[in-house]
Amino acid sequence: MRRVFEVLLSDINGKRRDAYKQIAIKNGTTLQAVETLAGEKAMQKTPSGQYIKDASDNWVQK
C-alpha cells in the first residue's frame, strides 16, 4: 500500500511542477519563484492550529 501512495504522490507532485513551469514561462520568472509564492500562499491559507513545514523543513504549529 505504501508503494501505491508513493507513486500517486510522485505523479501529483510531477503534475504540479509541470503546471508551475508553465506559469513561470508565461510570467517570465523562475520555477523557484513560482514554487516559493505557491508555498507562501498555501501557508497563509492554512488555519491556525494546523502543522506546516517551515523553511528549515521542520513541522511547526501555525
PDB file of N, CA and C in Angstrom:
ATOM      1  N   MET A   1       0.829  -1.196   0.000  1.00  0.00           N
ATOM      2  CA  MET A   1       0.000   0.000   0.000  1.00  0.00           C
ATOM      3  C   MET A   1       0.872   1.258   0.000  1.00  0.00           C
ATOM      4  N   ARG A   2       1.965   1.203   0.730  1.00  0.00           N
ATOM      5  CA  ARG A   2       2.855   2.368   0.800  1.00  0.00           C
ATOM      6  C   ARG A   2       3.392   2.730  -0.583  1.00  0.00           C
ATOM      7  N   ARG A   3       3.728   1.728  -1.374  1.00  0.00           N
ATOM      8  CA  ARG A   3       4.264   1.957  -2.714  1.00  0.00           C
ATOM      9  C   ARG A   3       3.223   2.662  -3.589  1.00  0.00           C
ATOM     10  N   VAL A   4       1.975   2.271  -3.482  1.00  0.00           N
ATOM     11  CA  VAL A   4       0.895   2.907  -4.244  1.00  0.00           C
ATOM     12  C   VAL A   4       0.809   4.381  -3.875  1.00  0.00           C
ATOM     13  N   PHE A   5       0.904   4.663  -2.584  1.00  0.00           N
ATOM     14  CA  PHE A   5       0.864   6.041  -2.106  1.00  0.00           C
ATOM     15  C   PHE A   5       2.032   6.842  -2.671  1.00  0.00           C
ATOM     16  N   GLU A   6       3.228   6.258  -2.658  1.00  0.00           N
ATOM     17  CA  GLU A   6       4.414   6.951  -3.159  1.00  0.00           C
ATOM     18  C   GLU A   6       4.307   7.247  -4.646  1.00  0.00           C
ATOM     19  N   VAL A   7       3.782   6.315  -5.411  1.00  0.00           N
ATOM     20  CA  VAL A   7       3.606   6.514  -6.852  1.00  0.00           C
ATOM     21  C   VAL A   7       2.582   7.614  -7.102  1.00  0.00           C
ATOM     22  N   LEU A   8       1.486   7.581  -6.378  1.00  0.00           N
ATOM     23  CA  LEU A   8       0.449   8.603  -6.516  1.00  0.00           C
ATOM     24  C   LEU A   8       0.988   9.978  -6.150  1.00  0.00           C
ATOM     25  N   LEU A   9       1.702  10.056  -5.048  1.00  0.00           N
ATOM     26  CA  LEU A   9       2.280  11.318  -4.606  1.00  0.00           C
ATOM     27  C   LEU A   9       3.279  11.860  -5.631  1.00  0.00           C
ATOM     28  N   SER A  10       4.098  10.990  -6.177  1.00  0.00           N
ATOM     29  CA  SER A  10       5.074  11.383  -7.192  1.00  0.00           C
ATOM     30  C   SER A  10       4.372  11.927  -8.438  1.00  0.00           C
ATOM     31  N   ASP A  11       3.286  11.288  -8.833  1.00  0.00           N
ATOM     32  CA  ASP A  11       2.517  11.729 -10.000  1.00  0.00           C
ATOM     33  C   ASP A  11       1.906  13.107  -9.762  1.00  0.00           C
ATOM     34  N   ILE A  12       1.301  13.291  -8.608  1.00  0.00           N
ATOM     35  CA  ILE A  12       0.689  14.584  -8.265  1.00  0.00           C
ATOM     36  C   ILE A  12       1.744  15.685  -8.238  1.00  0.00           C
ATOM     37  N   ASN A  13       2.870  15.417  -7.580  1.00  0.00           N
ATOM     38  CA  ASN A  13       3.929  16.425  -7.495  1.00  0.00           C
ATOM     39  C   ASN A  13       4.517  16.749  -8.859  1.00  0.00           C
ATOM     40  N   GLY A  14       4.641  15.754  -9.718  1.00  0.00           N
ATOM     41  CA  GLY A  14       5.143  15.991 -11.073  1.00  0.00           C
ATOM     42  C   GLY A  14       4.200  16.877 -11.878  1.00  0.00           C
ATOM     43  N   LYS A  15       2.920  16.615 -11.761  1.00  0.00           N
ATOM     44  CA  LYS A  15       1.928  17.439 -12.464  1.00  0.00           C
ATOM     45  C   LYS A  15       1.912  18.865 -11.920  1.00  0.00           C
ATOM     46  N   ARG A  16       2.067  19.003 -10.602  1.00  0.00           N
ATOM     47  CA  ARG A  16       2.116  20.335 -10.004  1.00  0.00           C
ATOM     48  C   ARG A  16       3.339  21.094 -10.512  1.00  0.00           C
ATOM     49  N   ARG A  17       4.482  20.414 -10.557  1.00  0.00           N
ATOM     50  CA  ARG A  17       5.711  21.049 -11.026  1.00  0.00           C
ATOM     51  C   ARG A  17       5.578  21.459 -12.504  1.00  0.00           C
ATOM     52  N   ASP A  18       4.952  20.628 -13.307  1.00  0.00           N
ATOM     53  CA  ASP A  18       4.729  20.978 -14.716  1.00  0.00           C
ATOM     54  C   ASP A  18       3.858  22.223 -14.839  1.00  0.00           C
ATOM     55  N   ALA A  19       2.818  22.299 -14.015  1.00  0.00           N
ATOM     56  CA  ALA A  19       1.948  23.479 -14.036  1.00  0.00           C
ATOM     57  C   ALA A  19       2.715  24.720 -13.600  1.00  0.00           C
ATOM     58  N   TYR A  20       3.548  24.583 -12.569  1.00  0.00           N
ATOM     59  CA  TYR A  20       4.359  25.711 -12.100  1.00  0.00           C
ATOM     60  C   TYR A  20       5.351  26.157 -13.173  1.00  0.00           C
ATOM     61  N   LYS A  21       5.908  25.204 -13.923  1.00  0.00           N
ATOM     62  CA  LYS A  21       6.837  25.545 -15.009  1.00  0.00           C
ATOM     63  C   LYS A  21       6.131  26.392 -16.059  1.00  0.00           C
ATOM     64  N   GLN A  22       4.912  25.999 -16.401  1.00  0.00           N
ATOM     65  CA  GLN A  22       4.148  26.758 -17.392  1.00  0.00           C
ATOM     66  C   GLN A  22       3.839  28.166 -16.889  1.00  0.00           C
ATOM     67  N   ILE A  23       3.502  28.285 -15.631  1.00  0.00           N
ATOM     68  CA  ILE A  23       3.237  29.603 -15.040  1.00  0.00           C
ATOM     69  C   ILE A  23       4.500  30.450 -15.078  1.00  0.00           C
ATOM     70  N   ALA A  24       5.632  29.844 -14.745  1.00  0.00           N
ATOM     71  CA  ALA A  24       6.909  30.572 -14.755  1.00  0.00           C
ATOM     72  C   ALA A  24       7.235  31.079 -16.153  1.00  0.00           C
ATOM     73  N   ILE A  25       7.061  30.228 -17.145  1.00  0.00           N
ATOM     74  CA  ILE A  25       7.328  30.630 -18.537  1.00  0.00           C
ATOM     75  C   ILE A  25       6.394  31.762 -18.943  1.00  0.00           C
ATOM     76  N   LYS A  26       5.115  31.604 -18.641  1.00  0.00           N
ATOM     77  CA  LYS A  26       4.115  32.609 -19.007  1.00  0.00           C
ATOM     78  C   LYS A  26       4.423  33.970 -18.395  1.00  0.00           C
ATOM     79  N   ASN A  27       4.957  33.962 -17.166  1.00  0.00           N
ATOM     80  CA  ASN A  27       5.209  35.213 -16.450  1.00  0.00           C
ATOM     81  C   ASN A  27       6.660  35.665 -16.502  1.00  0.00           C
ATOM     82  N   GLY A  28       7.493  34.945 -17.240  1.00  0.00           N
ATOM     83  CA  GLY A  28       8.883  35.345 -17.383  1.00  0.00           C
ATOM     84  C   GLY A  28       9.659  35.311 -16.081  1.00  0.00           C
ATOM     85  N   THR A  29       9.390  34.292 -15.267  1.00  0.00           N
ATOM     86  CA  THR A  29      10.078  34.168 -13.987  1.00  0.00           C
ATOM     87  C   THR A  29      10.631  32.755 -13.850  1.00  0.00           C
ATOM     88  N   THR A  30      11.167  32.454 -12.698  1.00  0.00           N
ATOM     89  CA  THR A  30      11.763  31.135 -12.492  1.00  0.00           C
ATOM     90  C   THR A  30      10.781  30.173 -11.843  1.00  0.00           C
ATOM     91  N   LEU A  31      11.051  28.900 -12.031  1.00  0.00           N
ATOM     92  CA  LEU A  31      10.261  27.870 -11.374  1.00  0.00           C
ATOM     93  C   LEU A  31      10.347  28.045  -9.863  1.00  0.00           C
ATOM     94  N   GLN A  32      11.521  28.335  -9.363  1.00  0.00           N
ATOM     95  CA  GLN A  32      11.709  28.511  -7.917  1.00  0.00           C
ATOM     96  C   GLN A  32      10.836  29.647  -7.385  1.00  0.00           C
ATOM     97  N   ALA A  33      10.726  30.736  -8.127  1.00  0.00           N
ATOM     98  CA  ALA A  33       9.900  31.861  -7.685  1.00  0.00           C
ATOM     99  C   ALA A  33       8.434  31.460  -7.603  1.00  0.00           C
ATOM    100  N   VAL A  34       7.978  30.700  -8.582  1.00  0.00           N
ATOM    101  CA  VAL A  34       6.585  30.249  -8.585  1.00  0.00           C
ATOM    102  C   VAL A  34       6.344  29.286  -7.427  1.00  0.00           C
ATOM    103  N   GLU A  35       7.268  28.357  -7.206  1.00  0.00           N
ATOM    104  CA  GLU A  35       7.128  27.410  -6.100  1.00  0.00           C
ATOM    105  C   GLU A  35       7.099  28.136  -4.755  1.00  0.00           C
ATOM    106  N   THR A  36       7.964  29.127  -4.600  1.00  0.00           N
ATOM    107  CA  THR A  36       8.021  29.887  -3.353  1.00  0.00           C
ATOM    108  C   THR A  36       6.708  30.618  -3.105  1.00  0.00           C
ATOM    109  N   LEU A  37       6.201  31.285  -4.123  1.00  0.00           N
ATOM    110  CA  LEU A  37       4.943  32.013  -3.981  1.00  0.00           C
ATOM    111  C   LEU A  37       3.786  31.069  -3.674  1.00  0.00           C
ATOM    112  N   ALA A  38       3.741  29.932  -4.346  1.00  0.00           N
ATOM    113  CA  ALA A  38       2.673  28.956  -4.100  1.00  0.00           C
ATOM    114  C   ALA A  38       2.741  28.444  -2.662  1.00  0.00           C
ATOM    115  N   GLY A  39       3.949  28.188  -2.173  1.00  0.00           N
ATOM    116  CA  GLY A  39       4.118  27.732  -0.795  1.00  0.00           C
ATOM    117  C   GLY A  39       3.678  28.771   0.213  1.00  0.00           C
ATOM    118  N   GLU A  40       4.034  30.024  -0.050  1.00  0.00           N
ATOM    119  CA  GLU A  40       3.627  31.109   0.845  1.00  0.00           C
ATOM    120  C   GLU A  40       2.110  31.239   0.890  1.00  0.00           C
ATOM    121  N   LYS A  41       1.477  31.149  -0.280  1.00  0.00           N
ATOM    122  CA  LYS A  41       0.016  31.246  -0.325  1.00  0.00           C
ATOM    123  C   LYS A  41      -0.640  30.084   0.416  1.00  0.00           C
ATOM    124  N   ALA A  42      -0.082  28.883   0.255  1.00  0.00           N
ATOM    125  CA  ALA A  42      -0.634  27.711   0.945  1.00  0.00           C
ATOM    126  C   ALA A  42      -0.519  27.869   2.451  1.00  0.00           C
ATOM    127  N   MET A  43       0.609  28.404   2.920  1.00  0.00           N
ATOM    128  CA  MET A  43       0.777  28.609   4.366  1.00  0.00           C
ATOM    129  C   MET A  43      -0.184  29.667   4.886  1.00  0.00           C
ATOM    130  N   GLN A  44      -0.439  30.710   4.097  1.00  0.00           N
ATOM    131  CA  GLN A  44      -1.379  31.743   4.518  1.00  0.00           C
ATOM    132  C   GLN A  44      -2.795  31.191   4.639  1.00  0.00           C
ATOM    133  N   LYS A  45      -3.148  30.244   3.775  1.00  0.00           N
ATOM    134  CA  LYS A  45      -4.489  29.663   3.782  1.00  0.00           C
ATOM    135  C   LYS A  45      -4.678  28.617   4.884  1.00  0.00           C
ATOM    136  N   THR A  46      -3.572  28.125   5.421  1.00  0.00           N
ATOM    137  CA  THR A  46      -3.646  27.086   6.444  1.00  0.00           C
ATOM    138  C   THR A  46      -4.204  27.667   7.737  1.00  0.00           C
ATOM    139  N   PRO A  47      -5.252  27.047   8.289  1.00  0.00           N
ATOM    140  CA  PRO A  47      -5.850  27.558   9.523  1.00  0.00           C
ATOM    141  C   PRO A  47      -4.895  27.453  10.711  1.00  0.00           C
ATOM    142  N   SER A  48      -5.068  28.335  11.667  1.00  0.00           N
ATOM    143  CA  SER A  48      -4.286  28.287  12.903  1.00  0.00           C
ATOM    144  C   SER A  48      -4.496  26.940  13.582  1.00  0.00           C
ATOM    145  N   GLY A  49      -3.434  26.447  14.198  1.00  0.00           N
ATOM    146  CA  GLY A  49      -3.502  25.173  14.895  1.00  0.00           C
ATOM    147  C   GLY A  49      -3.030  24.001  14.050  1.00  0.00           C
ATOM    148  N   GLN A  50      -3.016  24.184  12.732  1.00  0.00           N
ATOM    149  CA  GLN A  50      -2.542  23.135  11.837  1.00  0.00           C
ATOM    150  C   GLN A  50      -1.014  23.154  11.793  1.00  0.00           C
ATOM    151  N   TYR A  51      -0.424  22.067  11.319  1.00  0.00           N
ATOM    152  CA  TYR A  51       1.032  21.987  11.212  1.00  0.00           C
ATOM    153  C   TYR A  51       1.475  22.256   9.785  1.00  0.00           C
ATOM    154  N   ILE A  52       2.562  23.030   9.670  1.00  0.00           N
ATOM    155  CA  ILE A  52       3.158  23.348   8.375  1.00  0.00           C
ATOM    156  C   ILE A  52       4.668  23.148   8.481  1.00  0.00           C
ATOM    157  N   LYS A  53       5.320  22.939   7.334  1.00  0.00           N
ATOM    158  CA  LYS A  53       6.779  22.835   7.322  1.00  0.00           C
ATOM    159  C   LYS A  53       7.354  24.226   7.156  1.00  0.00           C
ATOM    160  N   ASP A  54       8.331  24.561   7.997  1.00  0.00           N
ATOM    161  CA  ASP A  54       8.973  25.862   7.894  1.00  0.00           C
ATOM    162  C   ASP A  54      10.123  25.799   6.888  1.00  0.00           C
ATOM    163  N   ALA A  55      10.825  26.901   6.717  1.00  0.00           N
ATOM    164  CA  ALA A  55      11.911  26.987   5.748  1.00  0.00           C
ATOM    165  C   ALA A  55      13.050  26.020   6.056  1.00  0.00           C
ATOM    166  N   SER A  56      13.141  25.577   7.310  1.00  0.00           N
ATOM    167  CA  SER A  56      14.191  24.619   7.717  1.00  0.00           C
ATOM    168  C   SER A  56      13.705  23.175   7.608  1.00  0.00           C
ATOM    169  N   ASP A  57      12.528  22.969   7.007  1.00  0.00           N
ATOM    170  CA  ASP A  57      11.939  21.655   6.799  1.00  0.00           C
ATOM    171  C   ASP A  57      11.498  20.987   8.108  1.00  0.00           C
ATOM    172  N   ASN A  58      11.159  21.820   9.109  1.00  0.00           N
ATOM    173  CA  ASN A  58      10.643  21.330  10.379  1.00  0.00           C
ATOM    174  C   ASN A  58       9.147  21.553  10.436  1.00  0.00           C
ATOM    175  N   TRP A  59       8.422  20.595  11.019  1.00  0.00           N
ATOM    176  CA  TRP A  59       6.989  20.759  11.206  1.00  0.00           C
ATOM    177  C   TRP A  59       6.750  21.648  12.423  1.00  0.00           C
ATOM    178  N   VAL A  60       5.984  22.707  12.235  1.00  0.00           N
ATOM    179  CA  VAL A  60       5.652  23.644  13.312  1.00  0.00           C
ATOM    180  C   VAL A  60       4.157  23.933  13.289  1.00  0.00           C
ATOM    181  N   GLN A  61       3.614  24.197  14.452  1.00  0.00           N
ATOM    182  CA  GLN A  61       2.197  24.522  14.527  1.00  0.00           C
ATOM    183  C   GLN A  61       1.988  25.977  14.194  1.00  0.00           C
ATOM    184  N   LYS A  62       1.055  26.238  13.314  1.00  0.00           N
ATOM    185  CA  LYS A  62       0.777  27.627  12.907  1.00  0.00           C
ATOM    186  C   LYS A  62      -0.040  28.304  13.970  1.00  0.00           C
TER     187      LYS A  62
END
